[in-house]
C-alpha atoms as a PDB file:
ATOM      1  CA  MET A   1     -88.956 -19.930 -82.950  1.00  0.00           C
ATOM      2  CA  PRO A   2     -88.355 -23.108 -85.238  1.00  0.00           C
ATOM      3  CA  PRO A   3     -87.376 -25.844 -83.543  1.00  0.00           C
ATOM      4  CA  ALA A   4     -84.805 -26.398 -86.253  1.00  0.00           C
ATOM      5  CA  PHE A   5     -82.999 -23.053 -85.085  1.00  0.00           C
ATOM      6  CA  LEU A   6     -82.956 -24.253 -81.869  1.00  0.00           C
ATOM      7  CA  GLN A   7     -81.742 -27.673 -82.622  1.00  0.00           C
ATOM      8  CA  ILE A   8     -78.612 -25.727 -83.865  1.00  0.00           C
ATOM      9  CA  ILE A   9     -78.221 -23.839 -81.131  1.00  0.00           C
ATOM     10  CA  MET A  10     -77.486 -26.675 -78.399  1.00  0.00           C
ATOM     11  CA  LYS A  11     -75.745 -28.194 -80.971  1.00  0.00           C
ATOM     12  CA  LYS A  12     -73.185 -25.071 -80.985  1.00  0.00           C
ATOM     13  CA  ILE A  13     -73.711 -24.850 -77.252  1.00  0.00           C
ATOM     14  CA  LEU A  14     -72.733 -28.735 -76.858  1.00  0.00           C
ATOM     15  CA  ILE A  15     -69.881 -28.196 -78.591  1.00  0.00           C
ATOM     16  CA  ILE A  16     -68.183 -25.307 -76.988  1.00  0.00           C
ATOM     17  CA  VAL A  17     -69.181 -27.262 -73.860  1.00  0.00           C
ATOM     18  CA  PHE A  18     -67.276 -30.447 -75.217  1.00  0.00           C
ATOM     19  CA  LEU A  19     -64.181 -27.996 -75.866  1.00  0.00           C
ATOM     20  CA  ILE A  20     -63.870 -26.285 -72.655  1.00  0.00           C
ATOM     21  CA  LEU A  21     -63.989 -29.680 -71.368  1.00  0.00           C
ATOM     22  CA  ALA A  22     -61.292 -30.951 -73.694  1.00  0.00           C
ATOM     23  CA  ILE A  23     -59.139 -28.183 -73.159  1.00  0.00           C
ATOM     24  CA  PHE A  24     -59.257 -28.645 -69.067  1.00  0.00           C
ATOM     25  CA  ILE A  25     -58.596 -32.225 -69.604  1.00  0.00           C
ATOM     26  CA  VAL A  26     -55.731 -31.648 -71.491  1.00  0.00           C
ATOM     27  CA  LEU A  27     -54.201 -28.736 -69.072  1.00  0.00           C
ATOM     28  CA  MET A  28     -54.848 -31.144 -65.846  1.00  0.00           C
ATOM     29  CA  VAL A  29     -53.052 -34.034 -67.911  1.00  0.00           C
ATOM     30  CA  ARG A  30     -50.133 -31.666 -68.617  1.00  0.00           C
ATOM     31  CA  ALA A  31     -50.020 -29.884 -64.647  1.00  0.00           C
ATOM     32  CA  SER A  32     -49.854 -33.731 -62.869  1.00  0.00           C
ATOM     33  CA  ALA A  33     -47.132 -34.646 -65.951  1.00  0.00           C
ATOM     34  CA  PRO A  34     -44.254 -35.365 -64.153  1.00  0.00           C
ATOM     35  CA  ALA A  35     -41.623 -32.438 -64.829  1.00  0.00           C
ATOM     36  CA  GLY A  36     -38.689 -35.194 -65.162  1.00  0.00           C
ATOM     37  CA  LYS A  37     -36.759 -37.788 -63.092  1.00  0.00           C
ATOM     38  CA  ILE A  38     -34.008 -38.540 -60.911  1.00  0.00           C
ATOM     39  CA  HIS A  39     -33.242 -42.188 -60.670  1.00  0.00           C
ATOM     40  CA  MET A  40     -30.057 -44.440 -60.114  1.00  0.00           C
ATOM     41  CA  THR A  41     -28.394 -46.773 -62.153  1.00  0.00           C
ATOM     42  CA  ILE A  42     -26.029 -49.471 -60.634  1.00  0.00           C
ATOM     43  CA  SER A  43     -23.002 -51.293 -61.956  1.00  0.00           C
ATOM     44  CA  GLN A  44     -20.719 -53.573 -60.762  1.00  0.00           C
ATOM     45  CA  GLN A  45     -18.036 -55.300 -62.570  1.00  0.00           C
ATOM     46  CA  ASN A  46     -18.556 -59.002 -60.945  1.00  0.00           C
ATOM     47  CA  GLU A  47     -20.332 -60.160 -57.447  1.00  0.00           C
ATOM     48  CA  THR A  48     -16.888 -60.737 -55.512  1.00  0.00           C
ATOM     49  CA  THR A  49     -16.544 -59.334 -51.919  1.00  0.00           C
ATOM     50  CA  SER A  50     -14.370 -56.564 -52.960  1.00  0.00           C
ATOM     51  CA  SER A  51     -15.726 -55.414 -56.315  1.00  0.00           C
ATOM     52  CA  PRO A  52     -16.022 -51.669 -56.262  1.00  0.00           C
ATOM     53  CA  LEU A  53     -19.745 -51.103 -57.338  1.00  0.00           C
ATOM     54  CA  LYS A  54     -20.946 -47.337 -59.299  1.00  0.00           C
ATOM     55  CA  LEU A  55     -24.139 -45.782 -58.326  1.00  0.00           C
ATOM     56  CA  GLU A  56     -25.308 -43.466 -61.039  1.00  0.00           C
ATOM     57  CA  ILE A  57     -27.676 -40.725 -60.288  1.00  0.00           C
ATOM     58  CA  LYS A  58     -29.293 -39.833 -63.303  1.00  0.00           C
ATOM     59  CA  ILE A  59     -31.649 -36.782 -64.468  1.00  0.00           C
ATOM     60  CA  ALA A  60     -33.674 -37.368 -67.553  1.00  0.00           C
ATOM     61  CA  SER A  61     -36.623 -36.012 -69.370  1.00  0.00           C
ATOM     62  CA  GLN A  62     -36.087 -32.882 -67.811  1.00  0.00           C
ATOM     63  CA  ASP A  63     -37.920 -29.333 -69.887  1.00  0.00           C
ATOM     64  CA  ILE A  64     -37.407 -27.314 -66.453  1.00  0.00           C
ATOM     65  CA  PRO A  65     -33.904 -25.269 -66.118  1.00  0.00           C
ATOM     66  CA  PHE A  66     -31.950 -27.315 -63.604  1.00  0.00           C
ATOM     67  CA  PHE A  67     -31.020 -24.849 -60.342  1.00  0.00           C
ATOM     68  CA  GLY A  68     -30.341 -27.494 -57.552  1.00  0.00           C
ATOM     69  CA  THR A  69     -31.199 -30.884 -56.240  1.00  0.00           C
ATOM     70  CA  ALA A  70     -30.955 -32.105 -52.833  1.00  0.00           C
ATOM     71  CA  PHE A  71     -31.664 -36.324 -51.493  1.00  0.00           C
ATOM     72  CA  HIS A  72     -30.398 -38.667 -49.129  1.00  0.00           C
ATOM     73  CA  ILE A  73     -29.213 -41.974 -50.822  1.00  0.00           C
ATOM     74  CA  ASN A  74     -30.069 -44.790 -48.106  1.00  0.00           C
ATOM     75  CA  PHE A  75     -27.849 -48.076 -48.040  1.00  0.00           C
ATOM     76  CA  ASN A  76     -26.982 -50.791 -46.103  1.00  0.00           C
ATOM     77  CA  PRO A  77     -23.843 -49.778 -43.949  1.00  0.00           C
ATOM     78  CA  GLN A  78     -23.140 -53.289 -43.083  1.00  0.00           C
ATOM     79  CA  GLN A  79     -22.667 -54.321 -46.806  1.00  0.00           C
ATOM     80  CA  TYR A  80     -21.297 -51.351 -48.323  1.00  0.00           C
ATOM     81  CA  LYS A  81     -18.554 -48.424 -47.631  1.00  0.00           C
ATOM     82  CA  PHE A  82     -18.869 -45.366 -49.681  1.00  0.00           C
ATOM     83  CA  GLN A  83     -15.506 -44.105 -51.144  1.00  0.00           C
ATOM     84  CA  ASN A  84     -15.660 -41.364 -53.096  1.00  0.00           C
ATOM     85  CA  TYR A  85     -18.176 -39.240 -55.802  1.00  0.00           C
ATOM     86  CA  THR A  86     -17.433 -38.141 -58.904  1.00  0.00           C
ATOM     87  CA  LEU A  87     -19.316 -35.574 -61.024  1.00  0.00           C
ATOM     88  CA  GLY A  88     -20.799 -36.213 -64.443  1.00  0.00           C
ATOM     89  CA  ASN A  89     -21.585 -35.458 -67.867  1.00  0.00           C
ATOM     90  CA  PHE A  90     -24.489 -33.438 -66.750  1.00  0.00           C
ATOM     91  CA  PHE A  91     -22.516 -30.574 -66.128  1.00  0.00           C
ATOM     92  CA  THR A  92     -19.362 -28.653 -67.794  1.00  0.00           C
ATOM     93  CA  ALA A  93     -16.360 -26.624 -66.224  1.00  0.00           C
ATOM     94  CA  GLN A  94     -18.353 -23.215 -66.855  1.00  0.00           C
ATOM     95  CA  ASP A  95     -21.676 -24.357 -64.849  1.00  0.00           C
ATOM     96  CA  GLU A  96     -18.887 -24.384 -61.534  1.00  0.00           C
ATOM     97  CA  PRO A  97     -21.907 -26.524 -59.244  1.00  0.00           C
ATOM     98  CA  LEU A  98     -21.390 -26.632 -55.576  1.00  0.00           C
ATOM     99  CA  ILE A  99     -21.851 -30.091 -54.483  1.00  0.00           C
ATOM    100  CA  LEU A 100     -21.889 -31.573 -50.849  1.00  0.00           C
ATOM    101  CA  VAL A 101     -21.754 -35.296 -50.843  1.00  0.00           C
ATOM    102  CA  LYS A 102     -21.203 -36.219 -46.228  1.00  0.00           C
ATOM    103  CA  ASP A 103     -21.416 -39.748 -45.466  1.00  0.00           C
ATOM    104  CA  ASN A 104     -22.271 -39.957 -41.681  1.00  0.00           C
ATOM    105  CA  GLY A 105     -21.171 -43.622 -41.525  1.00  0.00           C
ATOM    106  CA  ASP A 106     -24.756 -44.220 -40.670  1.00  0.00           C
ATOM    107  CA  GLY A 107     -25.947 -46.134 -43.864  1.00  0.00           C
ATOM    108  CA  ILE A 108     -26.785 -42.436 -45.225  1.00  0.00           C
ATOM    109  CA  ILE A 109     -25.370 -40.040 -47.605  1.00  0.00           C
ATOM    110  CA  MET A 110     -26.238 -36.649 -47.944  1.00  0.00           C
ATOM    111  CA  THR A 111     -26.139 -34.853 -51.445  1.00  0.00           C
ATOM    112  CA  GLY A 112     -26.888 -31.621 -52.633  1.00  0.00           C
ATOM    113  CA  ILE A 113     -25.798 -30.336 -55.635  1.00  0.00           C
ATOM    114  CA  SER A 114     -26.223 -26.568 -56.699  1.00  0.00           C
ATOM    115  CA  LEU A 115     -25.583 -24.020 -59.120  1.00  0.00           C
ATOM    116  CA  LYS A 116     -24.279 -20.131 -58.433  1.00  0.00           C
ATOM    117  CA  GLN A 117     -27.645 -17.723 -58.097  1.00  0.00           C
ATOM    118  CA  GLY A 118     -28.761 -17.078 -61.034  1.00  0.00           C
ATOM    119  CA  LYS A 119     -27.433 -19.953 -62.769  1.00  0.00           C
ATOM    120  CA  THR A 120     -29.918 -22.703 -64.781  1.00  0.00           C
ATOM    121  CA  ILE A 121     -29.148 -25.910 -67.188  1.00  0.00           C
ATOM    122  CA  THR A 122     -31.762 -27.045 -69.640  1.00  0.00           C
ATOM    123  CA  LYS A 123     -30.691 -30.075 -71.090  1.00  0.00           C
ATOM    124  CA  PRO A 124     -32.948 -33.603 -72.072  1.00  0.00           C
ATOM    125  CA  GLU A 125     -30.833 -35.864 -69.889  1.00  0.00           C
ATOM    126  CA  GLY A 126     -27.445 -36.601 -68.033  1.00  0.00           C
ATOM    127  CA  THR A 127     -25.621 -38.268 -64.988  1.00  0.00           C
ATOM    128  CA  LEU A 128     -25.362 -35.672 -62.262  1.00  0.00           C
ATOM    129  CA  LEU A 129     -23.139 -37.748 -60.214  1.00  0.00           C
ATOM    130  CA  THR A 130     -21.574 -41.333 -59.671  1.00  0.00           C
ATOM    131  CA  LEU A 131     -20.760 -42.574 -56.179  1.00  0.00           C
ATOM    132  CA  ASN A 132     -18.265 -45.265 -55.712  1.00  0.00           C
ATOM    133  CA  PHE A 133     -18.608 -47.865 -52.808  1.00  0.00           C
ATOM    134  CA  THR A 134     -17.080 -50.901 -51.690  1.00  0.00           C
ATOM    135  CA  LYS A 135     -19.096 -54.660 -51.197  1.00  0.00           C
ATOM    136  CA  LEU A 136     -17.985 -55.214 -48.049  1.00  0.00           C
ATOM    137  CA  THR A 137     -19.735 -59.045 -47.842  1.00  0.00           C
ATOM    138  CA  SER A 138     -22.235 -60.721 -49.288  1.00  0.00           C
ATOM    139  CA  ASN A 139     -23.565 -62.935 -46.470  1.00  0.00           C
ATOM    140  CA  ILE A 140     -24.891 -60.338 -44.091  1.00  0.00           C
ATOM    141  CA  PRO A 141     -28.606 -59.997 -43.981  1.00  0.00           C
ATOM    142  CA  PRO A 142     -30.238 -57.039 -44.986  1.00  0.00           C
ATOM    143  CA  ASN A 143     -30.063 -53.998 -42.468  1.00  0.00           C
ATOM    144  CA  GLN A 144     -33.188 -54.038 -40.279  1.00  0.00           C
ATOM    145  CA  ASN A 145     -33.405 -50.330 -40.281  1.00  0.00           C
ATOM    146  CA  GLN A 146     -34.195 -50.031 -43.936  1.00  0.00           C
ATOM    147  CA  PRO A 147     -37.510 -50.166 -45.119  1.00  0.00           C
ATOM    148  CA  SER A 148     -39.370 -53.389 -45.695  1.00  0.00           C
ATOM    149  CA  SER A 149     -39.143 -52.622 -49.370  1.00  0.00           C
ATOM    150  CA  ILE A 150     -35.714 -52.382 -50.179  1.00  0.00           C
ATOM    151  CA  SER A 151     -35.219 -56.025 -48.691  1.00  0.00           C
ATOM    152  CA  SER A 152     -38.115 -57.360 -50.897  1.00  0.00           C
ATOM    153  CA  LEU A 153     -36.719 -56.190 -54.324  1.00  0.00           C
ATOM    154  CA  PRO A 154     -37.768 -58.370 -56.899  1.00  0.00           C
ATOM    155  CA  HIS A 155     -34.143 -59.646 -58.107  1.00  0.00           C
ATOM    156  CA  LYS A 156     -31.553 -61.106 -55.677  1.00  0.00           C
ATOM    157  CA  ASN A 157     -28.462 -58.548 -57.066  1.00  0.00           C
ATOM    158  CA  ILE A 158     -30.111 -55.171 -56.125  1.00  0.00           C
ATOM    159  CA  PRO A 159     -27.837 -53.366 -53.601  1.00  0.00           C
ATOM    160  CA  ASP A 160     -30.188 -51.848 -51.260  1.00  0.00           C
ATOM    161  CA  PHE A 161     -30.294 -48.138 -52.161  1.00  0.00           C
ATOM    162  CA  THR A 162     -33.098 -45.427 -52.361  1.00  0.00           C
ATOM    163  CA  PHE A 163     -33.830 -41.961 -52.160  1.00  0.00           C
ATOM    164  CA  SER A 164     -35.312 -40.299 -49.392  1.00  0.00           C
ATOM    165  CA  HIS A 165     -35.404 -36.529 -48.576  1.00  0.00           C
ATOM    166  CA  SER A 166     -35.515 -35.501 -52.111  1.00  0.00           C
ATOM    167  CA  THR A 167     -35.911 -31.906 -53.674  1.00  0.00           C
ATOM    168  CA  PHE A 168     -35.531 -30.347 -57.175  1.00  0.00           C
ATOM    169  CA  ALA A 169     -35.634 -26.669 -57.402  1.00  0.00           C
ATOM    170  CA  THR A 170     -35.291 -24.081 -60.698  1.00  0.00           C
ATOM    171  CA  PHE A 171     -34.299 -20.214 -60.908  1.00  0.00           C
ATOM    172  CA  ASN A 172     -36.724 -17.678 -61.745  1.00  0.00           C
ATOM    173  CA  LYS A 173     -35.752 -14.316 -60.172  1.00  0.00           C
ATOM    174  CA  GLN A 174     -36.194 -16.555 -56.532  1.00  0.00           C
ATOM    175  CA  ARG A 175     -35.624 -20.361 -55.806  1.00  0.00           C
ATOM    176  CA  GLN A 176     -38.812 -22.269 -56.205  1.00  0.00           C
ATOM    177  CA  ASN A 177     -39.085 -25.977 -55.473  1.00  0.00           C
ATOM    178  CA  ILE A 178     -40.900 -28.286 -58.731  1.00  0.00           C
ATOM    179  CA  GLN A 179     -43.649 -30.633 -56.694  1.00  0.00           C
ATOM    180  CA  ASN A 180     -43.684 -33.263 -59.382  1.00  0.00           C
ATOM    181  CA  PHE A 181     -40.010 -34.165 -59.803  1.00  0.00           C
ATOM    182  CA  THR A 182     -40.165 -37.873 -59.378  1.00  0.00           C
ATOM    183  CA  PHE A 183     -37.341 -39.684 -57.912  1.00  0.00           C
ATOM    184  CA  ASP A 184     -37.163 -43.568 -58.654  1.00  0.00           C
ATOM    185  CA  ASP A 185     -35.670 -46.237 -56.849  1.00  0.00           C
ATOM    186  CA  PRO A 186     -33.443 -48.630 -58.720  1.00  0.00           C
ATOM    187  CA  GLN A 187     -35.937 -51.197 -60.137  1.00  0.00           C
ATOM    188  CA  LYS A 188     -33.340 -54.234 -61.585  1.00  0.00           C
ATOM    189  CA  LEU A 189     -30.193 -54.816 -62.910  1.00  0.00           C
ATOM    190  CA  PRO A 190     -29.758 -56.046 -66.742  1.00  0.00           C
END
């Protein structure tokens, strides 16, 4: 065989190998990318002691049908008192979500939202819930039971709210947990 013929074959083999590697890398990046995220936004009319605080639980970048989610909201019960919740604009009356919001008075609000079996919602974003709190006092030190990362947040007006025990599920013949769905704690007030 002439050497030129072998060089052509080697080039074709290298091109095929690079294409296979490129496809593999693209698939790996796509598989590791978050399917979506649930995050908190905080709004407060003013910083007075009796000022109501609204904690909106939002869903964004969703490309997987929503069937349900469950999470805990951790907060400092010495600084905030949970009042009530309102359903967000992510749902319509026809969706008929089943909602559980339970405050045991210990600084943990257990939350669960689910649709009836077989129903799902596919929307790019929206507000799941708004949790309403009352600020009790501004002079109490951070709760020592909270993780240290909460009290060391960079902005002085950040209330100490965080997610824990979080899961997101879809439904396709049966309930399926989605592992790469992220839950982001608040970063900074505007």
